[in-house]
Amino acid sequence: MKQELLARFPWPWLPALALLIFFSFFMGLLIRLSLKSQQSPLTLAERLPFDEGEKI
């Protein structure tokens, strides 16, 4: 039954496109998180709970 459904599937390239989008999203996320230039906003956000009354 599954084989019959897949045989009639009109877009055989669609699963490959979904895999490419999935892979590129997570690779982009890993690259963005590993960049040193992105560390300053993250460290600022980490200190927010401890800076209760102080203005930056």
PDB file of N, CA and C in Angstrom:
ATOM      1  N   MET A   1       0.810  -1.181   0.000  1.00  0.00           N
ATOM      2  CA  MET A   1       0.000   0.000   0.000  1.00  0.00           C
ATOM      3  C   MET A   1       0.867   1.264   0.000  1.00  0.00           C
ATOM      4  N   LYS A   2       1.870   1.265   0.828  1.00  0.00           N
ATOM      5  CA  LYS A   2       2.770   2.413   0.878  1.00  0.00           C
ATOM      6  C   LYS A   2       3.520   2.565  -0.438  1.00  0.00           C
ATOM      7  N   GLN A   3       3.876   1.459  -1.022  1.00  0.00           N
ATOM      8  CA  GLN A   3       4.605   1.478  -2.288  1.00  0.00           C
ATOM      9  C   GLN A   3       3.735   2.032  -3.422  1.00  0.00           C
ATOM     10  N   GLU A   4       2.465   1.712  -3.405  1.00  0.00           N
ATOM     11  CA  GLU A   4       1.549   2.244  -4.411  1.00  0.00           C
ATOM     12  C   GLU A   4       1.378   3.757  -4.262  1.00  0.00           C
ATOM     13  N   LEU A   5       1.281   4.207  -3.030  1.00  0.00           N
ATOM     14  CA  LEU A   5       1.147   5.636  -2.774  1.00  0.00           C
ATOM     15  C   LEU A   5       2.396   6.387  -3.228  1.00  0.00           C
ATOM     16  N   LEU A   6       3.559   5.853  -2.928  1.00  0.00           N
ATOM     17  CA  LEU A   6       4.804   6.505  -3.336  1.00  0.00           C
ATOM     18  C   LEU A   6       4.998   6.470  -4.849  1.00  0.00           C
ATOM     19  N   ALA A   7       4.476   5.469  -5.496  1.00  0.00           N
ATOM     20  CA  ALA A   7       4.591   5.388  -6.948  1.00  0.00           C
ATOM     21  C   ALA A   7       3.761   6.473  -7.632  1.00  0.00           C
ATOM     22  N   ARG A   8       2.676   6.901  -7.003  1.00  0.00           N
ATOM     23  CA  ARG A   8       1.824   7.947  -7.571  1.00  0.00           C
ATOM     24  C   ARG A   8       2.172   9.343  -7.077  1.00  0.00           C
ATOM     25  N   PHE A   9       3.190   9.462  -6.262  1.00  0.00           N
ATOM     26  CA  PHE A   9       3.577  10.760  -5.711  1.00  0.00           C
ATOM     27  C   PHE A   9       4.070  11.657  -6.840  1.00  0.00           C
ATOM     28  N   PRO A  10       3.446  12.838  -7.050  1.00  0.00           N
ATOM     29  CA  PRO A  10       3.752  13.644  -8.241  1.00  0.00           C
ATOM     30  C   PRO A  10       5.062  14.434  -8.161  1.00  0.00           C
ATOM     31  N   TRP A  11       5.628  14.616  -6.981  1.00  0.00           N
ATOM     32  CA  TRP A  11       6.849  15.420  -6.850  1.00  0.00           C
ATOM     33  C   TRP A  11       7.953  14.595  -6.184  1.00  0.00           C
ATOM     34  N   PRO A  12       8.723  13.838  -6.949  1.00  0.00           N
ATOM     35  CA  PRO A  12       9.763  13.004  -6.332  1.00  0.00           C
ATOM     36  C   PRO A  12      10.937  13.818  -5.774  1.00  0.00           C
ATOM     37  N   TRP A  13      11.080  15.069  -6.182  1.00  0.00           N
ATOM     38  CA  TRP A  13      12.173  15.906  -5.697  1.00  0.00           C
ATOM     39  C   TRP A  13      11.845  16.589  -4.373  1.00  0.00           C
ATOM     40  N   LEU A  14      10.611  16.524  -3.918  1.00  0.00           N
ATOM     41  CA  LEU A  14      10.194  17.229  -2.709  1.00  0.00           C
ATOM     42  C   LEU A  14      10.885  16.718  -1.435  1.00  0.00           C
ATOM     43  N   PRO A  15      11.046  15.424  -1.201  1.00  0.00           N
ATOM     44  CA  PRO A  15      11.774  14.975  -0.010  1.00  0.00           C
ATOM     45  C   PRO A  15      13.244  15.419  -0.010  1.00  0.00           C
ATOM     46  N   ALA A  16      13.859  15.448  -1.180  1.00  0.00           N
ATOM     47  CA  ALA A  16      15.245  15.920  -1.253  1.00  0.00           C
ATOM     48  C   ALA A  16      15.328  17.404  -0.917  1.00  0.00           C
ATOM     49  N   LEU A  17      14.372  18.179  -1.360  1.00  0.00           N
ATOM     50  CA  LEU A  17      14.337  19.604  -1.041  1.00  0.00           C
ATOM     51  C   LEU A  17      14.129  19.818   0.459  1.00  0.00           C
ATOM     52  N   ALA A  18      13.259  19.034   1.062  1.00  0.00           N
ATOM     53  CA  ALA A  18      13.023  19.147   2.503  1.00  0.00           C
ATOM     54  C   ALA A  18      14.288  18.809   3.289  1.00  0.00           C
ATOM     55  N   LEU A  19      15.003  17.794   2.864  1.00  0.00           N
ATOM     56  CA  LEU A  19      16.253  17.433   3.526  1.00  0.00           C
ATOM     57  C   LEU A  19      17.297  18.534   3.366  1.00  0.00           C
ATOM     58  N   LEU A  20      17.370  19.139   2.206  1.00  0.00           N
ATOM     59  CA  LEU A  20      18.309  20.226   1.962  1.00  0.00           C
ATOM     60  C   LEU A  20      17.977  21.444   2.837  1.00  0.00           C
ATOM     61  N   ILE A  21      16.717  21.785   2.949  1.00  0.00           N
ATOM     62  CA  ILE A  21      16.315  22.902   3.808  1.00  0.00           C
ATOM     63  C   ILE A  21      16.632  22.598   5.270  1.00  0.00           C
ATOM     64  N   PHE A  22      16.336  21.400   5.711  1.00  0.00           N
ATOM     65  CA  PHE A  22      16.616  20.984   7.086  1.00  0.00           C
ATOM     66  C   PHE A  22      18.110  21.059   7.381  1.00  0.00           C
ATOM     67  N   PHE A  23      18.927  20.527   6.501  1.00  0.00           N
ATOM     68  CA  PHE A  23      20.380  20.517   6.691  1.00  0.00           C
ATOM     69  C   PHE A  23      20.945  21.934   6.678  1.00  0.00           C
ATOM     70  N   SER A  24      20.502  22.760   5.735  1.00  0.00           N
ATOM     71  CA  SER A  24      21.037  24.121   5.640  1.00  0.00           C
ATOM     72  C   SER A  24      20.615  24.969   6.837  1.00  0.00           C
ATOM     73  N   PHE A  25      19.423  24.778   7.364  1.00  0.00           N
ATOM     74  CA  PHE A  25      18.985  25.521   8.541  1.00  0.00           C
ATOM     75  C   PHE A  25      19.880  25.212   9.734  1.00  0.00           C
ATOM     76  N   PHE A  26      20.130  23.947  10.005  1.00  0.00           N
ATOM     77  CA  PHE A  26      20.930  23.594  11.167  1.00  0.00           C
ATOM     78  C   PHE A  26      22.410  23.905  10.977  1.00  0.00           C
ATOM     79  N   MET A  27      22.910  23.825   9.767  1.00  0.00           N
ATOM     80  CA  MET A  27      24.298  24.240   9.534  1.00  0.00           C
ATOM     81  C   MET A  27      24.432  25.752   9.734  1.00  0.00           C
ATOM     82  N   GLY A  28      23.458  26.519   9.251  1.00  0.00           N
ATOM     83  CA  GLY A  28      23.476  27.960   9.466  1.00  0.00           C
ATOM     84  C   GLY A  28      23.383  28.313  10.936  1.00  0.00           C
ATOM     85  N   LEU A  29      22.571  27.576  11.672  1.00  0.00           N
ATOM     86  CA  LEU A  29      22.446  27.804  13.100  1.00  0.00           C
ATOM     87  C   LEU A  29      23.754  27.517  13.818  1.00  0.00           C
ATOM     88  N   LEU A  30      24.413  26.433  13.470  1.00  0.00           N
ATOM     89  CA  LEU A  30      25.699  26.113  14.091  1.00  0.00           C
ATOM     90  C   LEU A  30      26.765  27.140  13.755  1.00  0.00           C
ATOM     91  N   ILE A  31      26.788  27.610  12.529  1.00  0.00           N
ATOM     92  CA  ILE A  31      27.769  28.627  12.132  1.00  0.00           C
ATOM     93  C   ILE A  31      27.504  29.929  12.874  1.00  0.00           C
ATOM     94  N   ARG A  32      26.244  30.315  12.968  1.00  0.00           N
ATOM     95  CA  ARG A  32      25.910  31.576  13.643  1.00  0.00           C
ATOM     96  C   ARG A  32      26.290  31.520  15.120  1.00  0.00           C
ATOM     97  N   LEU A  33      26.058  30.390  15.762  1.00  0.00           N
ATOM     98  CA  LEU A  33      26.377  30.276  17.181  1.00  0.00           C
ATOM     99  C   LEU A  33      27.874  30.182  17.440  1.00  0.00           C
ATOM    100  N   SER A  34      28.620  29.706  16.468  1.00  0.00           N
ATOM    101  CA  SER A  34      30.050  29.542  16.687  1.00  0.00           C
ATOM    102  C   SER A  34      30.855  30.799  16.376  1.00  0.00           C
ATOM    103  N   LEU A  35      30.236  31.788  15.744  1.00  0.00           N
ATOM    104  CA  LEU A  35      30.957  33.020  15.431  1.00  0.00           C
ATOM    105  C   LEU A  35      31.254  33.803  16.709  1.00  0.00           C
ATOM    106  N   LYS A  36      32.444  34.344  16.789  1.00  0.00           N
ATOM    107  CA  LYS A  36      32.827  35.114  17.961  1.00  0.00           C
ATOM    108  C   LYS A  36      32.112  36.462  17.998  1.00  0.00           C
ATOM    109  N   SER A  37      31.751  37.023  16.853  1.00  0.00           N
ATOM    110  CA  SER A  37      31.089  38.322  16.829  1.00  0.00           C
ATOM    111  C   SER A  37      29.689  38.256  17.434  1.00  0.00           C
ATOM    112  N   GLN A  38      29.101  37.101  17.502  1.00  0.00           N
ATOM    113  CA  GLN A  38      27.761  36.947  18.057  1.00  0.00           C
ATOM    114  C   GLN A  38      27.782  36.729  19.560  1.00  0.00           C
ATOM    115  N   GLN A  39      28.963  36.691  20.171  1.00  0.00           N
ATOM    116  CA  GLN A  39      29.036  36.399  21.591  1.00  0.00           C
ATOM    117  C   GLN A  39      28.616  37.578  22.464  1.00  0.00           C
ATOM    118  N   SER A  40      28.823  38.821  22.032  1.00  0.00           N
ATOM    119  CA  SER A  40      28.506  39.952  22.891  1.00  0.00           C
ATOM    120  C   SER A  40      27.009  40.068  23.210  1.00  0.00           C
ATOM    121  N   PRO A  41      26.085  39.924  22.255  1.00  0.00           N
ATOM    122  CA  PRO A  41      24.664  39.975  22.652  1.00  0.00           C
ATOM    123  C   PRO A  41      24.275  38.810  23.557  1.00  0.00           C
ATOM    124  N   LEU A  42      24.898  37.668  23.359  1.00  0.00           N
ATOM    125  CA  LEU A  42      24.569  36.526  24.207  1.00  0.00           C
ATOM    126  C   LEU A  42      25.065  36.731  25.628  1.00  0.00           C
ATOM    127  N   THR A  43      26.256  37.277  25.800  1.00  0.00           N
ATOM    128  CA  THR A  43      26.760  37.501  27.153  1.00  0.00           C
ATOM    129  C   THR A  43      25.971  38.595  27.846  1.00  0.00           C
ATOM    130  N   LEU A  44      25.518  39.601  27.088  1.00  0.00           N
ATOM    131  CA  LEU A  44      24.672  40.642  27.668  1.00  0.00           C
ATOM    132  C   LEU A  44      23.352  40.039  28.158  1.00  0.00           C
ATOM    133  N   ALA A  45      22.756  39.157  27.378  1.00  0.00           N
ATOM    134  CA  ALA A  45      21.500  38.514  27.771  1.00  0.00           C
ATOM    135  C   ALA A  45      21.693  37.584  28.961  1.00  0.00           C
ATOM    136  N   GLU A  46      22.877  36.980  29.085  1.00  0.00           N
ATOM    137  CA  GLU A  46      23.139  36.088  30.217  1.00  0.00           C
ATOM    138  C   GLU A  46      23.199  36.863  31.526  1.00  0.00           C
ATOM    139  N   ARG A  47      23.676  38.097  31.468  1.00  0.00           N
ATOM    140  CA  ARG A  47      23.836  38.887  32.690  1.00  0.00           C
ATOM    141  C   ARG A  47      22.577  39.630  33.095  1.00  0.00           C
ATOM    142  N   LEU A  48      21.532  39.664  32.285  1.00  0.00           N
ATOM    143  CA  LEU A  48      20.328  40.422  32.595  1.00  0.00           C
ATOM    144  C   LEU A  48      19.671  40.045  33.931  1.00  0.00           C
ATOM    145  N   PRO A  49      19.535  38.790  34.287  1.00  0.00           N
ATOM    146  CA  PRO A  49      18.906  38.482  35.573  1.00  0.00           C
ATOM    147  C   PRO A  49      19.703  38.980  36.775  1.00  0.00           C
ATOM    148  N   PHE A  50      21.012  39.165  36.625  1.00  0.00           N
ATOM    149  CA  PHE A  50      21.847  39.587  37.748  1.00  0.00           C
ATOM    150  C   PHE A  50      21.996  41.100  37.828  1.00  0.00           C
ATOM    151  N   ASP A  51      21.627  41.831  36.787  1.00  0.00           N
ATOM    152  CA  ASP A  51      21.727  43.286  36.755  1.00  0.00           C
ATOM    153  C   ASP A  51      20.392  43.912  37.143  1.00  0.00           C
ATOM    154  N   GLU A  52      19.857  43.558  38.275  1.00  0.00           N
ATOM    155  CA  GLU A  52      18.480  43.921  38.621  1.00  0.00           C
ATOM    156  C   GLU A  52      18.220  45.424  38.567  1.00  0.00           C
ATOM    157  N   GLY A  53      18.987  46.211  39.268  1.00  0.00           N
ATOM    158  CA  GLY A  53      18.698  47.628  39.305  1.00  0.00           C
ATOM    159  C   GLY A  53      19.700  48.480  38.544  1.00  0.00           C
ATOM    160  N   GLU A  54      20.714  47.874  37.978  1.00  0.00           N
ATOM    161  CA  GLU A  54      21.769  48.623  37.315  1.00  0.00           C
ATOM    162  C   GLU A  54      21.381  48.923  35.867  1.00  0.00           C
ATOM    163  N   LYS A  55      21.737  50.124  35.425  1.00  0.00           N
ATOM    164  CA  LYS A  55      21.529  50.495  34.032  1.00  0.00           C
ATOM    165  C   LYS A  55      22.842  50.312  33.294  1.00  0.00           C
ATOM    166  N   ILE A  56      22.758  49.811  32.086  1.00  0.00           N
ATOM    167  CA  ILE A  56      23.975  49.577  31.287  1.00  0.00           C
ATOM    168  C   ILE A  56      24.247  50.780  30.436  1.00  0.00           C
TER     169      ILE A  56
END
